[in-house]
Amino acid sequence: MPHTASHLIVAGPIVISLVLLLIASAHDIAARTIPNWIPLVLAVSGLAGRAYDGSLLLGVGVAGSVFLVAAIVWRCGMMGGGDVKLLGAAAVVVPPGHVIQFLVLMSLAGSLLACLYLAARPVVSRPRSARPRSLLARALRAERWRISRGAGLPYACAIAASGAFVLLQTVS
């Protein structure tokens, strides 16, 4: 197999994964949901990457463990179901030897996100104007409302940031 084709096989699932993580983050910010197709396609992309590098069984085992723990956290009401699915799928994408790093970075990113939201809460007021027309303006208005009332975090952002960091680190 030519060297260029080998790079495409490795880069394809990574690029797809990065795009999907970005889409999941944007959707979580805008609607506080993550469509089911995103973790599904992300997991398939991760399985392709794990099959290519020969770590399919280990990758599925590690990701399954991450998903199981996250599902328990969801059951206790401390995490959203979409976040659980995204986290499990992202754990398939990340090489098994880097999952601990991914989880630590995700926790740090989530903590930073929580601190930002807590700091913004006394400063951000509830929106009083009529519903804007543009999608971006509506998303920003909804986010102001969520921050002002202490609603949940868009944790997909923390998952995506740490996943992207680890993926880009493993490529270079």
N, C-alpha and C. Protein backbone atom coordinates (compact mmCIF):
# COMPACT_ATOMS: atom_id res chain seq x y z
N MET A 1 0.85 -1.17 0.00
CA MET A 1 0.00 0.00 0.00
C MET A 1 0.90 1.24 0.00
N PRO A 2 0.64 2.19 -0.90
CA PRO A 2 1.45 3.40 -0.94
C PRO A 2 1.32 4.20 0.36
N HIS A 3 2.36 4.95 0.63
CA HIS A 3 2.42 5.74 1.86
C HIS A 3 1.25 6.72 1.95
N THR A 4 0.85 7.34 0.83
CA THR A 4 -0.24 8.31 0.81
C THR A 4 -1.56 7.64 1.17
N ALA A 5 -1.82 6.47 0.64
CA ALA A 5 -3.06 5.75 0.96
C ALA A 5 -3.11 5.40 2.43
N SER A 6 -1.99 5.03 3.00
CA SER A 6 -1.92 4.71 4.42
C SER A 6 -2.30 5.92 5.27
N HIS A 7 -1.80 7.09 4.90
CA HIS A 7 -2.14 8.31 5.63
C HIS A 7 -3.63 8.62 5.54
N LEU A 8 -4.22 8.40 4.36
CA LEU A 8 -5.65 8.65 4.19
C LEU A 8 -6.49 7.71 5.05
N ILE A 9 -6.06 6.47 5.15
CA ILE A 9 -6.79 5.50 5.96
C ILE A 9 -6.75 5.89 7.43
N VAL A 10 -5.62 6.39 7.89
CA VAL A 10 -5.49 6.82 9.28
C VAL A 10 -6.19 8.16 9.49
N ALA A 11 -6.02 9.10 8.56
CA ALA A 11 -6.55 10.45 8.72
C ALA A 11 -8.06 10.50 8.55
N GLY A 12 -8.63 9.65 7.72
CA GLY A 12 -10.07 9.68 7.46
C GLY A 12 -10.91 9.59 8.71
N PRO A 13 -10.76 8.52 9.51
CA PRO A 13 -11.56 8.44 10.74
C PRO A 13 -11.29 9.58 11.72
N ILE A 14 -10.07 10.08 11.75
CA ILE A 14 -9.75 11.18 12.66
C ILE A 14 -10.45 12.46 12.23
N VAL A 15 -10.40 12.76 10.94
CA VAL A 15 -11.08 13.97 10.44
C VAL A 15 -12.58 13.86 10.65
N ILE A 16 -13.15 12.71 10.32
CA ILE A 16 -14.58 12.49 10.53
C ILE A 16 -14.92 12.68 12.01
N SER A 17 -14.10 12.12 12.88
CA SER A 17 -14.34 12.22 14.32
C SER A 17 -14.28 13.66 14.80
N LEU A 18 -13.30 14.42 14.33
CA LEU A 18 -13.18 15.82 14.74
C LEU A 18 -14.39 16.63 14.30
N VAL A 19 -14.85 16.40 13.09
CA VAL A 19 -16.03 17.11 12.58
C VAL A 19 -17.26 16.74 13.41
N LEU A 20 -17.42 15.46 13.69
CA LEU A 20 -18.58 15.01 14.48
C LEU A 20 -18.55 15.58 15.90
N LEU A 21 -17.38 15.64 16.51
CA LEU A 21 -17.27 16.22 17.85
C LEU A 21 -17.64 17.70 17.83
N LEU A 22 -17.24 18.39 16.78
CA LEU A 22 -17.59 19.81 16.65
C LEU A 22 -19.10 19.98 16.47
N ILE A 23 -19.71 19.15 15.64
CA ILE A 23 -21.16 19.21 15.42
C ILE A 23 -21.90 18.91 16.72
N ALA A 24 -21.43 17.90 17.46
CA ALA A 24 -22.08 17.54 18.73
C ALA A 24 -22.01 18.71 19.71
N SER A 25 -20.87 19.38 19.77
CA SER A 25 -20.72 20.54 20.67
C SER A 25 -21.68 21.65 20.28
N ALA A 26 -21.73 21.97 19.00
CA ALA A 26 -22.62 23.04 18.54
C ALA A 26 -24.08 22.70 18.83
N HIS A 27 -24.45 21.45 18.59
CA HIS A 27 -25.84 21.05 18.84
C HIS A 27 -26.15 21.08 20.34
N ASP A 28 -25.20 20.70 21.16
CA ASP A 28 -25.42 20.71 22.60
C ASP A 28 -25.55 22.13 23.12
N ILE A 29 -24.77 23.05 22.57
CA ILE A 29 -24.88 24.45 22.97
C ILE A 29 -26.24 25.00 22.54
N ALA A 30 -26.63 24.73 21.31
CA ALA A 30 -27.86 25.30 20.77
C ALA A 30 -29.12 24.69 21.38
N ALA A 31 -29.13 23.37 21.58
CA ALA A 31 -30.39 22.71 21.97
C ALA A 31 -30.27 21.83 23.21
N ARG A 32 -29.07 21.69 23.76
CA ARG A 32 -28.81 20.81 24.91
C ARG A 32 -29.21 19.36 24.60
N THR A 33 -29.07 19.00 23.35
CA THR A 33 -29.27 17.62 22.93
C THR A 33 -28.16 17.24 21.98
N ILE A 34 -27.94 15.94 21.86
CA ILE A 34 -26.98 15.41 20.90
C ILE A 34 -27.74 14.35 20.10
N PRO A 35 -27.94 14.59 18.82
CA PRO A 35 -28.68 13.60 18.02
C PRO A 35 -28.00 12.24 18.05
N ASN A 36 -28.79 11.19 18.09
CA ASN A 36 -28.26 9.82 18.20
C ASN A 36 -27.33 9.44 17.06
N TRP A 37 -27.51 10.03 15.89
CA TRP A 37 -26.68 9.63 14.75
C TRP A 37 -25.22 10.05 14.96
N ILE A 38 -24.99 11.09 15.75
CA ILE A 38 -23.61 11.56 15.94
C ILE A 38 -22.76 10.53 16.70
N PRO A 39 -23.18 10.08 17.89
CA PRO A 39 -22.38 9.04 18.56
C PRO A 39 -22.28 7.75 17.74
N LEU A 40 -23.34 7.43 16.99
CA LEU A 40 -23.32 6.22 16.18
C LEU A 40 -22.24 6.29 15.11
N VAL A 41 -22.23 7.37 14.34
CA VAL A 41 -21.22 7.53 13.29
C VAL A 41 -19.83 7.68 13.90
N LEU A 42 -19.75 8.37 15.03
CA LEU A 42 -18.47 8.53 15.73
C LEU A 42 -17.92 7.17 16.16
N ALA A 43 -18.79 6.32 16.70
CA ALA A 43 -18.35 4.99 17.12
C ALA A 43 -17.90 4.14 15.94
N VAL A 44 -18.61 4.22 14.83
CA VAL A 44 -18.22 3.47 13.63
C VAL A 44 -16.86 3.96 13.13
N SER A 45 -16.66 5.27 13.15
CA SER A 45 -15.37 5.83 12.75
C SER A 45 -14.26 5.34 13.68
N GLY A 46 -14.56 5.31 14.97
CA GLY A 46 -13.58 4.82 15.94
C GLY A 46 -13.28 3.35 15.74
N LEU A 47 -14.30 2.56 15.46
CA LEU A 47 -14.09 1.13 15.21
C LEU A 47 -13.21 0.91 13.99
N ALA A 48 -13.38 1.75 12.97
CA ALA A 48 -12.52 1.65 11.79
C ALA A 48 -11.07 1.96 12.15
N GLY A 49 -10.87 2.99 12.96
CA GLY A 49 -9.52 3.33 13.40
C GLY A 49 -8.90 2.25 14.26
N ARG A 50 -9.68 1.69 15.18
CA ARG A 50 -9.17 0.62 16.03
C ARG A 50 -8.89 -0.64 15.22
N ALA A 51 -9.70 -0.95 14.24
CA ALA A 51 -9.46 -2.12 13.39
C ALA A 51 -8.17 -1.93 12.60
N TYR A 52 -7.95 -0.71 12.12
CA TYR A 52 -6.75 -0.44 11.33
C TYR A 52 -5.48 -0.56 12.17
N ASP A 53 -5.52 -0.06 13.41
CA ASP A 53 -4.30 -0.11 14.22
C ASP A 53 -4.17 -1.39 15.05
N GLY A 54 -5.12 -2.31 14.91
CA GLY A 54 -5.01 -3.61 15.56
C GLY A 54 -5.43 -3.63 17.02
N SER A 55 -6.13 -2.60 17.47
CA SER A 55 -6.53 -2.55 18.88
C SER A 55 -8.05 -2.61 19.04
N LEU A 56 -8.70 -3.31 18.13
CA LEU A 56 -10.17 -3.33 18.13
C LEU A 56 -10.74 -3.90 19.42
N LEU A 57 -10.30 -5.06 19.84
CA LEU A 57 -10.85 -5.68 21.05
C LEU A 57 -10.57 -4.85 22.29
N LEU A 58 -9.33 -4.39 22.42
CA LEU A 58 -8.97 -3.57 23.57
C LEU A 58 -9.76 -2.25 23.55
N GLY A 59 -9.85 -1.65 22.38
CA GLY A 59 -10.57 -0.39 22.25
C GLY A 59 -12.04 -0.52 22.61
N VAL A 60 -12.67 -1.60 22.15
CA VAL A 60 -14.09 -1.82 22.47
C VAL A 60 -14.25 -2.10 23.97
N GLY A 61 -13.33 -2.84 24.56
CA GLY A 61 -13.40 -3.12 25.99
C GLY A 61 -13.24 -1.87 26.84
N VAL A 62 -12.26 -1.06 26.49
CA VAL A 62 -12.03 0.18 27.24
C VAL A 62 -13.22 1.13 27.06
N ALA A 63 -13.68 1.29 25.83
CA ALA A 63 -14.81 2.18 25.57
C ALA A 63 -16.08 1.67 26.24
N GLY A 64 -16.27 0.36 26.24
CA GLY A 64 -17.42 -0.21 26.93
C GLY A 64 -17.39 0.07 28.41
N SER A 65 -16.21 0.01 29.00
CA SER A 65 -16.06 0.32 30.43
C SER A 65 -16.38 1.79 30.71
N VAL A 66 -15.88 2.67 29.85
CA VAL A 66 -16.16 4.10 29.99
C VAL A 66 -17.66 4.34 29.87
N PHE A 67 -18.29 3.72 28.89
CA PHE A 67 -19.72 3.88 28.69
C PHE A 67 -20.50 3.37 29.90
N LEU A 68 -20.10 2.23 30.43
CA LEU A 68 -20.79 1.65 31.59
C LEU A 68 -20.73 2.58 32.80
N VAL A 69 -19.56 3.11 33.10
CA VAL A 69 -19.42 4.03 34.23
C VAL A 69 -20.24 5.30 33.98
N ALA A 70 -20.18 5.82 32.75
CA ALA A 70 -20.96 7.02 32.42
C ALA A 70 -22.46 6.74 32.52
N ALA A 71 -22.90 5.54 32.15
CA ALA A 71 -24.32 5.19 32.26
C ALA A 71 -24.75 5.15 33.73
N ILE A 72 -23.88 4.70 34.59
CA ILE A 72 -24.19 4.71 36.04
C ILE A 72 -24.30 6.16 36.53
N VAL A 73 -23.40 7.01 36.06
CA VAL A 73 -23.46 8.43 36.43
C VAL A 73 -24.76 9.05 35.91
N TRP A 74 -25.17 8.68 34.68
CA TRP A 74 -26.44 9.15 34.13
C TRP A 74 -27.61 8.68 35.00
N ARG A 75 -27.56 7.42 35.39
CA ARG A 75 -28.64 6.84 36.21
C ARG A 75 -28.78 7.58 37.54
N CYS A 76 -27.68 8.11 38.03
CA CYS A 76 -27.71 8.89 39.27
C CYS A 76 -28.14 10.33 39.02
N GLY A 77 -28.40 10.68 37.77
CA GLY A 77 -28.88 12.01 37.43
C GLY A 77 -27.82 13.08 37.31
N MET A 78 -26.56 12.66 37.17
CA MET A 78 -25.46 13.64 37.13
C MET A 78 -24.90 13.87 35.74
N MET A 79 -25.49 13.26 34.73
CA MET A 79 -24.99 13.41 33.36
C MET A 79 -26.15 13.14 32.41
N GLY A 80 -26.13 13.82 31.27
CA GLY A 80 -27.18 13.63 30.28
C GLY A 80 -26.94 12.38 29.45
N GLY A 81 -28.01 11.81 28.94
CA GLY A 81 -27.91 10.60 28.13
C GLY A 81 -27.12 10.80 26.85
N GLY A 82 -27.28 11.95 26.21
CA GLY A 82 -26.52 12.24 25.00
C GLY A 82 -25.03 12.33 25.28
N ASP A 83 -24.69 12.91 26.42
CA ASP A 83 -23.29 13.00 26.82
C ASP A 83 -22.70 11.61 27.07
N VAL A 84 -23.49 10.73 27.65
CA VAL A 84 -23.04 9.36 27.91
C VAL A 84 -22.72 8.65 26.59
N LYS A 85 -23.64 8.77 25.63
CA LYS A 85 -23.42 8.13 24.32
C LYS A 85 -22.22 8.74 23.61
N LEU A 86 -22.10 10.07 23.65
CA LEU A 86 -20.97 10.73 23.00
C LEU A 86 -19.66 10.34 23.67
N LEU A 87 -19.65 10.26 24.98
CA LEU A 87 -18.44 9.88 25.71
C LEU A 87 -18.02 8.46 25.36
N GLY A 88 -18.96 7.54 25.33
CA GLY A 88 -18.65 6.16 24.97
C GLY A 88 -18.11 6.05 23.55
N ALA A 89 -18.72 6.79 22.63
CA ALA A 89 -18.26 6.76 21.24
C ALA A 89 -16.88 7.40 21.10
N ALA A 90 -16.67 8.51 21.81
CA ALA A 90 -15.36 9.17 21.76
C ALA A 90 -14.28 8.28 22.35
N ALA A 91 -14.63 7.48 23.34
CA ALA A 91 -13.66 6.56 23.94
C ALA A 91 -13.25 5.46 22.96
N VAL A 92 -14.08 5.17 21.97
CA VAL A 92 -13.70 4.22 20.91
C VAL A 92 -12.72 4.88 19.95
N VAL A 93 -12.95 6.16 19.68
CA VAL A 93 -12.12 6.89 18.71
C VAL A 93 -10.71 7.10 19.24
N VAL A 94 -10.60 7.41 20.51
CA VAL A 94 -9.30 7.65 21.13
C VAL A 94 -8.56 6.32 21.27
N PRO A 95 -7.29 6.26 20.89
CA PRO A 95 -6.54 5.01 21.07
C PRO A 95 -6.60 4.55 22.54
N PRO A 96 -6.74 3.25 22.78
CA PRO A 96 -6.92 2.75 24.15
C PRO A 96 -5.87 3.22 25.14
N GLY A 97 -4.64 3.38 24.70
CA GLY A 97 -3.58 3.83 25.59
C GLY A 97 -3.69 5.29 25.99
N HIS A 98 -4.61 6.03 25.36
CA HIS A 98 -4.76 7.46 25.64
C HIS A 98 -6.10 7.78 26.30
N VAL A 99 -6.89 6.78 26.63
CA VAL A 99 -8.22 7.03 27.19
C VAL A 99 -8.14 7.69 28.56
N ILE A 100 -7.19 7.30 29.39
CA ILE A 100 -7.05 7.93 30.71
C ILE A 100 -6.73 9.42 30.54
N GLN A 101 -5.82 9.74 29.63
CA GLN A 101 -5.49 11.13 29.35
C GLN A 101 -6.74 11.87 28.87
N PHE A 102 -7.50 11.25 27.98
CA PHE A 102 -8.74 11.83 27.47
C PHE A 102 -9.72 12.12 28.61
N LEU A 103 -9.88 11.18 29.53
CA LEU A 103 -10.83 11.36 30.62
C LEU A 103 -10.37 12.44 31.60
N VAL A 104 -9.08 12.50 31.87
CA VAL A 104 -8.56 13.54 32.76
C VAL A 104 -8.74 14.92 32.12
N LEU A 105 -8.39 15.03 30.84
CA LEU A 105 -8.56 16.31 30.14
C LEU A 105 -10.03 16.70 30.06
N MET A 106 -10.91 15.71 29.85
CA MET A 106 -12.34 15.99 29.80
C MET A 106 -12.82 16.53 31.15
N SER A 107 -12.34 15.94 32.23
CA SER A 107 -12.72 16.41 33.56
C SER A 107 -12.23 17.83 33.80
N LEU A 108 -11.02 18.12 33.38
CA LEU A 108 -10.49 19.47 33.52
C LEU A 108 -11.26 20.47 32.66
N ALA A 109 -11.55 20.09 31.43
CA ALA A 109 -12.32 20.96 30.54
C ALA A 109 -13.73 21.18 31.09
N GLY A 110 -14.34 20.13 31.62
CA GLY A 110 -15.66 20.25 32.22
C GLY A 110 -15.65 21.15 33.45
N SER A 111 -14.59 21.04 34.25
CA SER A 111 -14.44 21.90 35.42
C SER A 111 -14.29 23.35 35.02
N LEU A 112 -13.50 23.60 33.99
CA LEU A 112 -13.33 24.96 33.49
C LEU A 112 -14.65 25.51 32.96
N LEU A 113 -15.38 24.69 32.23
CA LEU A 113 -16.69 25.08 31.72
C LEU A 113 -17.64 25.42 32.87
N ALA A 114 -17.64 24.59 33.90
CA ALA A 114 -18.49 24.84 35.06
C ALA A 114 -18.10 26.15 35.76
N CYS A 115 -16.82 26.39 35.90
CA CYS A 115 -16.36 27.64 36.53
C CYS A 115 -16.78 28.85 35.70
N LEU A 116 -16.68 28.75 34.39
CA LEU A 116 -17.10 29.86 33.53
C LEU A 116 -18.60 30.13 33.69
N TYR A 117 -19.39 29.09 33.72
CA TYR A 117 -20.84 29.25 33.86
C TYR A 117 -21.20 29.81 35.24
N LEU A 118 -20.50 29.33 36.27
CA LEU A 118 -20.77 29.86 37.61
C LEU A 118 -20.37 31.33 37.72
N ALA A 119 -19.24 31.69 37.11
CA ALA A 119 -18.80 33.09 37.13
C ALA A 119 -19.74 33.98 36.32
N ALA A 120 -20.30 33.44 35.26
CA ALA A 120 -21.18 34.24 34.39
C ALA A 120 -22.57 34.40 34.99
N ARG A 121 -22.96 33.49 35.86
CA ARG A 121 -24.34 33.49 36.36
C ARG A 121 -24.76 34.81 37.01
N PRO A 122 -23.95 35.40 37.90
CA PRO A 122 -24.41 36.67 38.49
C PRO A 122 -24.34 37.85 37.52
N VAL A 123 -23.60 37.70 36.46
CA VAL A 123 -23.39 38.81 35.52
C VAL A 123 -24.42 38.79 34.39
N VAL A 124 -24.82 37.60 33.97
CA VAL A 124 -25.72 37.46 32.83
C VAL A 124 -27.16 37.54 33.30
N SER A 125 -27.91 38.45 32.68
CA SER A 125 -29.32 38.58 33.05
C SER A 125 -30.19 37.79 32.09
N ARG A 126 -31.39 37.49 32.54
CA ARG A 126 -32.34 36.79 31.67
C ARG A 126 -32.70 37.69 30.50
N PRO A 127 -32.79 37.13 29.32
CA PRO A 127 -33.15 37.95 28.16
C PRO A 127 -34.60 38.44 28.27
N ARG A 128 -34.82 39.68 27.89
CA ARG A 128 -36.16 40.26 27.99
C ARG A 128 -36.73 40.59 26.61
N SER A 129 -35.92 40.58 25.61
CA SER A 129 -36.38 40.96 24.28
C SER A 129 -37.15 39.82 23.61
N ALA A 130 -37.78 40.16 22.52
CA ALA A 130 -38.52 39.16 21.74
C ALA A 130 -37.54 38.17 21.12
N ARG A 131 -38.08 37.03 20.74
CA ARG A 131 -37.26 35.98 20.14
C ARG A 131 -36.64 36.47 18.83
N PRO A 132 -35.31 36.45 18.72
CA PRO A 132 -34.66 36.92 17.49
C PRO A 132 -34.90 35.97 16.32
N ARG A 133 -34.63 36.45 15.14
CA ARG A 133 -34.85 35.65 13.93
C ARG A 133 -33.69 34.72 13.61
N SER A 134 -32.47 35.21 13.72
CA SER A 134 -31.32 34.39 13.29
C SER A 134 -31.06 33.25 14.28
N LEU A 135 -30.56 32.15 13.75
CA LEU A 135 -30.29 30.97 14.57
C LEU A 135 -29.23 31.28 15.63
N LEU A 136 -28.17 31.97 15.25
CA LEU A 136 -27.11 32.29 16.21
C LEU A 136 -27.64 33.18 17.33
N ALA A 137 -28.41 34.20 16.99
CA ALA A 137 -28.96 35.10 18.01
C ALA A 137 -29.91 34.34 18.93
N ARG A 138 -30.70 33.42 18.38
CA ARG A 138 -31.60 32.62 19.21
C ARG A 138 -30.82 31.71 20.15
N ALA A 139 -29.73 31.11 19.64
CA ALA A 139 -28.90 30.24 20.48
C ALA A 139 -28.25 31.04 21.60
N LEU A 140 -27.76 32.24 21.30
CA LEU A 140 -27.15 33.08 22.33
C LEU A 140 -28.19 33.52 23.37
N ARG A 141 -29.39 33.84 22.91
CA ARG A 141 -30.47 34.22 23.83
C ARG A 141 -30.81 33.04 24.75
N ALA A 142 -30.92 31.85 24.18
CA ALA A 142 -31.23 30.66 24.98
C ALA A 142 -30.12 30.38 25.98
N GLU A 143 -28.88 30.60 25.56
CA GLU A 143 -27.75 30.36 26.47
C GLU A 143 -27.77 31.36 27.62
N ARG A 144 -28.10 32.61 27.35
CA ARG A 144 -28.23 33.60 28.42
C ARG A 144 -29.30 33.16 29.41
N TRP A 145 -30.40 32.65 28.90
CA TRP A 145 -31.48 32.19 29.77
C TRP A 145 -31.02 31.01 30.62
N ARG A 146 -30.30 30.05 30.00
CA ARG A 146 -29.82 28.87 30.73
C ARG A 146 -28.82 29.27 31.82
N ILE A 147 -27.89 30.17 31.48
CA ILE A 147 -26.89 30.60 32.45
C ILE A 147 -27.57 31.32 33.62
N SER A 148 -28.51 32.20 33.32
CA SER A 148 -29.15 32.99 34.37
C SER A 148 -29.96 32.13 35.33
N ARG A 149 -30.47 31.01 34.86
CA ARG A 149 -31.25 30.16 35.77
C ARG A 149 -30.48 28.95 36.28
N GLY A 150 -29.19 28.84 35.94
CA GLY A 150 -28.36 27.76 36.45
C GLY A 150 -28.64 26.41 35.82
N ALA A 151 -28.99 26.40 34.57
CA ALA A 151 -29.29 25.14 33.87
C ALA A 151 -28.01 24.34 33.64
N GLY A 152 -28.16 23.11 33.16
CA GLY A 152 -27.02 22.23 32.94
C GLY A 152 -26.04 22.75 31.90
N LEU A 153 -24.88 22.18 31.93
CA LEU A 153 -23.80 22.59 31.02
C LEU A 153 -23.87 21.84 29.70
N PRO A 154 -23.36 22.44 28.64
CA PRO A 154 -23.21 21.71 27.38
C PRO A 154 -21.93 20.86 27.45
N TYR A 155 -22.01 19.73 28.14
CA TYR A 155 -20.82 18.95 28.44
C TYR A 155 -20.19 18.32 27.20
N ALA A 156 -20.92 18.29 26.09
CA ALA A 156 -20.33 17.81 24.85
C ALA A 156 -19.11 18.65 24.47
N CYS A 157 -19.10 19.90 24.89
CA CYS A 157 -17.95 20.77 24.61
C CYS A 157 -16.69 20.25 25.30
N ALA A 158 -16.83 19.81 26.53
CA ALA A 158 -15.68 19.26 27.26
C ALA A 158 -15.23 17.94 26.64
N ILE A 159 -16.19 17.11 26.27
CA ILE A 159 -15.87 15.83 25.63
C ILE A 159 -15.16 16.07 24.31
N ALA A 160 -15.70 17.00 23.52
CA ALA A 160 -15.13 17.29 22.20
C ALA A 160 -13.74 17.92 22.30
N ALA A 161 -13.58 18.85 23.21
CA ALA A 161 -12.27 19.52 23.34
C ALA A 161 -11.19 18.53 23.73
N SER A 162 -11.49 17.69 24.71
CA SER A 162 -10.47 16.72 25.14
C SER A 162 -10.24 15.65 24.08
N GLY A 163 -11.31 15.21 23.43
CA GLY A 163 -11.16 14.22 22.36
C GLY A 163 -10.33 14.77 21.21
N ALA A 164 -10.62 16.00 20.82
CA ALA A 164 -9.85 16.62 19.73
C ALA A 164 -8.39 16.79 20.11
N PHE A 165 -8.14 17.22 21.33
CA PHE A 165 -6.76 17.41 21.78
C PHE A 165 -5.98 16.10 21.72
N VAL A 166 -6.57 15.04 22.26
CA VAL A 166 -5.88 13.74 22.29
C VAL A 166 -5.70 13.20 20.87
N LEU A 167 -6.74 13.30 20.04
CA LEU A 167 -6.63 12.81 18.67
C LEU A 167 -5.54 13.54 17.89
N LEU A 168 -5.52 14.85 18.00
CA LEU A 168 -4.50 15.63 17.29
C LEU A 168 -3.11 15.36 17.84
N GLN A 169 -3.01 15.09 19.12
CA GLN A 169 -1.73 14.78 19.73
C GLN A 169 -1.21 13.42 19.24
N THR A 170 -2.10 12.45 19.08
CA THR A 170 -1.67 11.12 18.66
C THR A 170 -1.28 11.08 17.19
N VAL A 171 -1.80 12.01 16.39
CA VAL A 171 -1.48 12.03 14.96
C VAL A 171 -0.08 12.60 14.75
N SER A 172 0.26 13.63 15.51
CA SER A 172 1.55 14.29 15.27
C SER A 172 2.73 13.51 15.80
